[in-house]
Amino acid sequence: MVMAALSCLIAFLVHAFVADPRRTTTNHDTSQALFRDEVMDKGNANSVSLWVESWQAMKAVTRVPTFQYIVLQGIVGSLPWTALVFLTLWFELIGFDHNSSAALVGIFATGCALGSFVGGIIADQMSRLYPNSGRIMCAQFCAFMGIPFSWFLLRVIPQSVSSYSTYAATLFLMGLTISWCATATNGPMFAEVVPVKHRTMIYAFDRAFEVSFSSFAAPVVGILAEKMYGYDPKSVDPVVGSGREALALSRGLFSMMAVPFGLCGLFYTPLYWNFRHDRENARIATAKETEMI
């Protein structure tokens, strides 16, 4: 019920605030639409041409350097987020009960939600001051902040139920600062480096690449915790947890968070040189398409 209500709210907000660029209907557009309808009736021939057109568009999108670098950072940068599926287990190993563990994860999710909104606002302001680099700076700040927060959360705070307040504050601030990249940088920059007709495709490719590769993070955390740091699932007490296993899991989590966050920030660096050029190319391509209408 709650999720359905939130979905309706999001749909309303999209309808109210999102401006979808639309082409005005002209006689030329009408004739083209009639021609397309006529061709579609031919069946297989049109299907082949559709696949050819999609393949050409896909090649055009993947050749954009800005797309390549954002996907590269996304593949690496999504690893920590996938590794965080172990967060609830880690809290329970420390000794927190189910409700407390769920509350801590909920606090982190709340921080991430607010951070996405705040990060978008900050990046919009930065892009006005620095059109060619403002969003990139925001993304690097976001990625690099994941390193000290991961270190403090997993290695500094005493792993005890008495540290609940410290965990809660750290998780909220962590979520508030490491969740900017998608809304502040990746989405807006994608929209600027390809023609309008290819925007849906570039978003789809990005999600496909990132989700596919990030799925390896969770198994790697488990392997590191068991093989390198001595995690033994047989030693876990289901009621009070296990401090030794919590420490081993925290080390595995830290390995799969700090390093990817650092690489993610570094992979944004080439955009300082490529983004401006790709944006100008997209504007020229869009202008040519507009002239042909």
Protein backbone atom coordinates (compact mmCIF):
# COMPACT_ATOMS: atom_id res chain seq x y z
CA MET A 1 0.00 0.00 0.00
CA VAL A 2 2.78 2.41 0.96
CA MET A 3 4.81 1.58 -2.14
CA ALA A 4 1.75 2.07 -4.35
CA ALA A 5 1.13 5.48 -2.79
CA LEU A 6 4.76 6.47 -3.29
CA SER A 7 4.61 5.34 -6.93
CA CYS A 8 1.55 7.52 -7.50
CA LEU A 9 3.28 10.46 -5.83
CA ILE A 10 6.37 10.04 -8.01
CA ALA A 11 4.21 9.82 -11.12
CA PHE A 12 2.48 13.06 -10.15
CA LEU A 13 5.80 14.82 -9.52
CA VAL A 14 7.14 13.65 -12.88
CA HIS A 15 3.99 14.91 -14.61
CA ALA A 16 4.17 18.24 -12.79
CA PHE A 17 7.85 19.06 -13.09
CA VAL A 18 9.48 17.06 -15.90
CA ALA A 19 9.62 18.81 -19.26
CA ASP A 20 9.65 16.27 -22.07
CA PRO A 21 10.96 17.81 -25.32
CA ARG A 22 8.41 17.29 -28.05
CA ARG A 23 8.54 17.98 -31.75
CA THR A 24 5.82 20.15 -33.15
CA THR A 25 3.59 18.49 -35.69
CA THR A 26 4.00 19.75 -39.23
CA ASN A 27 2.83 18.60 -42.61
CA HIS A 28 6.23 17.04 -43.11
CA ASP A 29 5.89 15.13 -39.83
CA THR A 30 2.41 13.95 -40.81
CA SER A 31 3.61 12.68 -44.15
CA GLN A 32 6.51 10.90 -42.46
CA ALA A 33 4.13 9.28 -39.98
CA LEU A 34 1.88 8.08 -42.79
CA PHE A 35 4.90 6.74 -44.62
CA ARG A 36 6.06 4.86 -41.52
CA ASP A 37 2.61 3.35 -41.04
CA GLU A 38 2.62 2.23 -44.64
CA VAL A 39 6.04 0.67 -44.31
CA MET A 40 5.11 -1.11 -41.07
CA ASP A 41 2.41 -2.97 -42.94
CA LYS A 42 5.08 -4.61 -45.03
CA GLY A 43 6.14 -6.77 -42.09
CA ASN A 44 9.56 -8.35 -42.10
CA ALA A 45 11.28 -5.74 -44.24
CA ASN A 46 10.41 -3.03 -41.76
CA SER A 47 11.55 -5.21 -38.82
CA VAL A 48 14.95 -5.60 -40.40
CA SER A 49 15.29 -1.86 -40.99
CA LEU A 50 14.25 -1.19 -37.39
CA TRP A 51 16.97 -3.49 -36.06
CA VAL A 52 19.52 -1.90 -38.38
CA GLU A 53 18.56 1.57 -37.20
CA SER A 54 18.75 0.49 -33.55
CA TRP A 55 22.16 -1.07 -34.11
CA GLN A 56 23.47 2.11 -35.72
CA ALA A 57 22.12 4.20 -32.85
CA MET A 58 23.72 1.84 -30.34
CA LYS A 59 27.10 2.17 -32.02
CA ALA A 60 26.76 5.94 -32.10
CA VAL A 61 26.00 6.08 -28.38
CA THR A 62 28.81 3.74 -27.31
CA ARG A 63 31.36 5.78 -29.28
CA VAL A 64 30.76 8.87 -27.14
CA PRO A 65 33.75 9.16 -24.74
CA THR A 66 31.67 10.74 -21.98
CA PHE A 67 29.35 7.74 -22.08
CA GLN A 68 32.30 5.35 -21.92
CA TYR A 69 33.86 7.00 -18.87
CA ILE A 70 30.57 7.34 -16.98
CA VAL A 71 29.77 3.68 -17.61
CA LEU A 72 33.29 2.73 -16.51
CA GLN A 73 32.98 4.63 -13.23
CA GLY A 74 29.47 3.26 -12.81
CA ILE A 75 30.64 -0.33 -13.10
CA VAL A 76 33.23 0.25 -10.38
CA GLY A 77 31.16 2.71 -8.35
CA SER A 78 28.16 0.41 -8.10
CA LEU A 79 30.21 -2.32 -6.40
CA PRO A 80 30.04 -0.72 -2.92
CA TRP A 81 26.28 -0.29 -3.20
CA THR A 82 25.84 -3.97 -4.02
CA ALA A 83 28.19 -4.93 -1.19
CA LEU A 84 25.95 -3.04 1.23
CA VAL A 85 23.43 -5.88 1.09
CA PHE A 86 25.51 -7.33 3.94
CA LEU A 87 24.88 -4.30 6.14
CA THR A 88 21.90 -5.82 7.96
CA LEU A 89 23.77 -9.07 8.58
CA TRP A 90 26.75 -7.14 9.92
CA PHE A 91 24.62 -5.25 12.43
CA GLU A 92 23.03 -8.48 13.62
CA LEU A 93 26.46 -10.07 14.02
CA ILE A 94 27.43 -7.12 16.22
CA GLY A 95 24.45 -7.94 18.41
CA PHE A 96 21.65 -5.64 17.29
CA ASP A 97 18.19 -7.17 17.11
CA HIS A 98 16.14 -7.24 13.91
CA ASN A 99 14.32 -3.99 14.63
CA SER A 100 17.46 -2.05 15.46
CA SER A 101 19.28 -3.38 12.40
CA ALA A 102 16.36 -2.51 10.15
CA ALA A 103 16.16 0.97 11.69
CA LEU A 104 19.85 1.62 10.99
CA VAL A 105 19.48 0.52 7.38
CA GLY A 106 16.38 2.71 7.11
CA ILE A 107 18.32 5.71 8.42
CA PHE A 108 20.95 5.12 5.75
CA ALA A 109 18.26 4.87 3.05
CA THR A 110 16.71 8.12 4.27
CA GLY A 111 20.08 9.84 4.06
CA CYS A 112 20.55 8.54 0.52
CA ALA A 113 17.12 9.80 -0.53
CA LEU A 114 17.78 13.27 0.84
CA GLY A 115 21.31 13.21 -0.53
CA SER A 116 20.10 12.55 -4.07
CA PHE A 117 17.85 15.60 -3.84
CA VAL A 118 20.44 17.85 -2.19
CA GLY A 119 23.17 16.68 -4.55
CA GLY A 120 21.02 17.52 -7.55
CA ILE A 121 20.43 21.05 -6.26
CA ILE A 122 24.11 21.62 -5.52
CA ALA A 123 25.17 20.25 -8.90
CA ASP A 124 22.69 22.50 -10.70
CA GLN A 125 24.22 25.51 -8.99
CA MET A 126 27.75 24.31 -9.69
CA SER A 127 26.93 23.75 -13.36
CA ARG A 128 25.83 27.38 -13.63
CA LEU A 129 29.11 28.58 -12.14
CA TYR A 130 31.29 26.04 -13.96
CA PRO A 131 29.37 24.72 -16.99
CA ASN A 132 32.12 22.36 -18.12
CA SER A 133 33.29 20.96 -14.79
CA GLY A 134 30.77 21.71 -12.02
CA ARG A 135 28.94 18.39 -12.19
CA ILE A 136 32.18 16.45 -12.46
CA MET A 137 33.51 18.08 -9.29
CA CYS A 138 30.30 17.15 -7.46
CA ALA A 139 30.61 13.54 -8.59
CA GLN A 140 34.22 13.27 -7.46
CA PHE A 141 33.40 14.80 -4.09
CA CYS A 142 30.59 12.27 -3.69
CA ALA A 143 32.76 9.29 -4.66
CA PHE A 144 35.75 10.26 -2.55
CA MET A 145 33.57 10.89 0.51
CA GLY A 146 32.74 7.20 0.45
CA ILE A 147 36.29 6.37 1.54
CA PRO A 148 36.46 8.19 4.92
CA PHE A 149 32.87 7.30 5.77
CA SER A 150 33.46 3.60 4.99
CA TRP A 151 36.62 3.67 7.08
CA PHE A 152 34.92 5.36 10.03
CA LEU A 153 31.82 3.15 9.85
CA LEU A 154 33.56 -0.19 9.44
CA ARG A 155 36.93 0.28 11.12
CA VAL A 156 36.72 3.05 13.73
CA ILE A 157 33.36 2.85 15.50
CA PRO A 158 33.47 0.22 18.28
CA GLN A 159 31.47 -2.78 17.10
CA SER A 160 29.09 -2.83 20.04
CA VAL A 161 25.37 -2.31 20.57
CA SER A 162 26.28 0.70 22.73
CA SER A 163 27.42 2.49 19.55
CA TYR A 164 23.91 2.66 18.10
CA SER A 165 23.71 6.47 18.07
CA THR A 166 27.13 6.78 16.46
CA TYR A 167 26.17 4.27 13.78
CA ALA A 168 22.90 6.09 13.12
CA ALA A 169 24.55 9.52 12.74
CA THR A 170 27.34 8.13 10.57
CA LEU A 171 24.97 6.24 8.28
CA PHE A 172 22.74 9.28 7.80
CA LEU A 173 25.64 11.59 6.94
CA MET A 174 27.19 8.92 4.76
CA GLY A 175 23.98 8.48 2.79
CA LEU A 176 23.62 12.25 2.52
CA THR A 177 27.02 12.68 0.84
CA ILE A 178 27.67 9.54 -1.24
CA SER A 179 24.41 9.41 -3.19
CA TRP A 180 24.87 12.34 -5.55
CA CYS A 181 26.35 10.79 -8.67
CA ALA A 182 23.22 9.56 -10.44
CA THR A 183 21.08 12.67 -10.02
CA ALA A 184 23.81 15.30 -9.91
CA THR A 185 26.08 14.10 -12.69
CA ASN A 186 25.36 10.94 -14.67
CA GLY A 187 21.78 11.60 -15.73
CA PRO A 188 22.17 15.30 -16.61
CA MET A 189 25.44 14.72 -18.47
CA PHE A 190 23.98 11.83 -20.46
CA ALA A 191 21.17 14.15 -21.56
CA GLU A 192 23.70 16.66 -22.88
CA VAL A 193 26.07 14.42 -24.84
CA VAL A 194 23.66 12.62 -27.17
CA PRO A 195 20.85 13.84 -29.44
CA VAL A 196 17.38 13.83 -27.92
CA LYS A 197 16.27 10.75 -29.85
CA HIS A 198 19.07 8.67 -28.27
CA ARG A 199 18.51 9.63 -24.63
CA THR A 200 16.43 6.60 -23.75
CA MET A 201 19.03 4.31 -25.27
CA ILE A 202 21.95 5.84 -23.38
CA TYR A 203 20.12 5.49 -20.05
CA ALA A 204 19.23 1.87 -20.85
CA PHE A 205 22.82 0.98 -21.75
CA ASP A 206 24.16 2.58 -18.60
CA ARG A 207 21.81 0.63 -16.35
CA ALA A 208 22.47 -2.62 -18.21
CA PHE A 209 26.24 -2.36 -17.89
CA GLU A 210 26.29 -1.20 -14.28
CA VAL A 211 23.79 -3.71 -12.92
CA SER A 212 25.40 -6.61 -14.78
CA PHE A 213 28.89 -6.03 -13.42
CA SER A 214 27.91 -4.87 -9.94
CA SER A 215 26.28 -8.24 -9.26
CA PHE A 216 29.77 -9.66 -8.66
CA ALA A 217 30.34 -7.48 -5.58
CA ALA A 218 28.28 -9.46 -3.08
CA PRO A 219 29.99 -12.82 -3.79
CA VAL A 220 33.40 -11.14 -3.61
CA VAL A 221 32.59 -9.72 -0.17
CA GLY A 222 31.64 -13.20 1.01
CA ILE A 223 34.80 -14.74 -0.42
CA LEU A 224 37.03 -12.07 1.16
CA ALA A 225 35.33 -12.40 4.53
CA GLU A 226 35.64 -16.19 4.60
CA LYS A 227 38.94 -16.85 2.83
CA MET A 228 41.01 -13.85 3.89
CA TYR A 229 39.54 -12.57 7.15
CA GLY A 230 38.39 -15.79 8.81
CA TYR A 231 34.60 -15.49 8.75
CA ASP A 232 33.07 -18.79 9.93
CA PRO A 233 29.27 -19.04 9.56
CA LYS A 234 29.22 -22.05 11.90
CA SER A 235 30.46 -19.90 14.77
CA VAL A 236 27.60 -17.39 14.55
CA ASP A 237 25.17 -17.30 17.45
CA PRO A 238 21.74 -16.53 15.93
CA VAL A 239 20.66 -14.69 19.10
CA VAL A 240 23.62 -12.57 20.23
CA GLY A 241 25.67 -12.59 17.03
CA SER A 242 29.43 -12.96 16.92
CA GLY A 243 32.00 -10.21 17.37
CA ARG A 244 34.73 -12.16 15.57
CA GLU A 245 32.58 -12.78 12.51
CA ALA A 246 31.35 -9.18 12.54
CA LEU A 247 34.95 -7.99 12.41
CA ALA A 248 35.76 -10.33 9.52
CA LEU A 249 32.71 -9.21 7.56
CA SER A 250 33.49 -5.54 8.19
CA ARG A 251 36.96 -6.04 6.72
CA GLY A 252 35.51 -7.67 3.63
CA LEU A 253 33.00 -4.84 3.26
CA PHE A 254 35.68 -2.21 3.65
CA SER A 255 37.79 -3.81 0.92
CA MET A 256 34.84 -3.74 -1.49
CA MET A 257 33.89 -0.16 -0.63
CA ALA A 258 36.99 1.98 -0.14
CA VAL A 259 38.88 0.82 -3.24
CA PRO A 260 35.92 1.04 -5.67
CA PHE A 261 34.93 4.46 -4.31
CA GLY A 262 38.45 5.73 -4.97
CA LEU A 263 38.58 4.30 -8.48
CA CYS A 264 35.13 5.68 -9.21
CA GLY A 265 36.30 9.19 -8.37
CA LEU A 266 39.42 8.83 -10.50
CA PHE A 267 37.47 7.57 -13.52
CA TYR A 268 35.52 10.83 -13.61
CA THR A 269 38.74 12.78 -14.26
CA PRO A 270 38.89 12.39 -18.10
CA LEU A 271 35.49 14.07 -18.32
CA TYR A 272 37.17 17.41 -17.63
CA TRP A 273 38.50 17.16 -21.20
CA ASN A 274 35.85 15.06 -22.99
CA PHE A 275 32.53 16.37 -21.72
CA ARG A 276 32.69 19.79 -23.33
CA HIS A 277 33.60 18.36 -26.73
CA ASP A 278 30.88 15.68 -26.61
CA ARG A 279 28.26 18.21 -25.55
CA GLU A 280 29.10 20.47 -28.49
CA ASN A 281 28.89 17.53 -30.89
CA ALA A 282 25.45 16.64 -29.53
CA ARG A 283 24.25 20.22 -29.93
CA ILE A 284 25.45 20.32 -33.53
CA ALA A 285 23.73 17.00 -34.29
CA THR A 286 20.49 18.19 -32.70
CA ALA A 287 20.63 21.47 -34.63
CA LYS A 288 21.07 19.60 -37.91
CA GLU A 289 18.10 17.37 -37.14
CA THR A 290 15.99 20.43 -36.33
CA GLU A 291 16.91 22.06 -39.63
CA MET A 292 15.83 18.94 -41.52
CA ILE A 293 12.34 19.01 -40.00
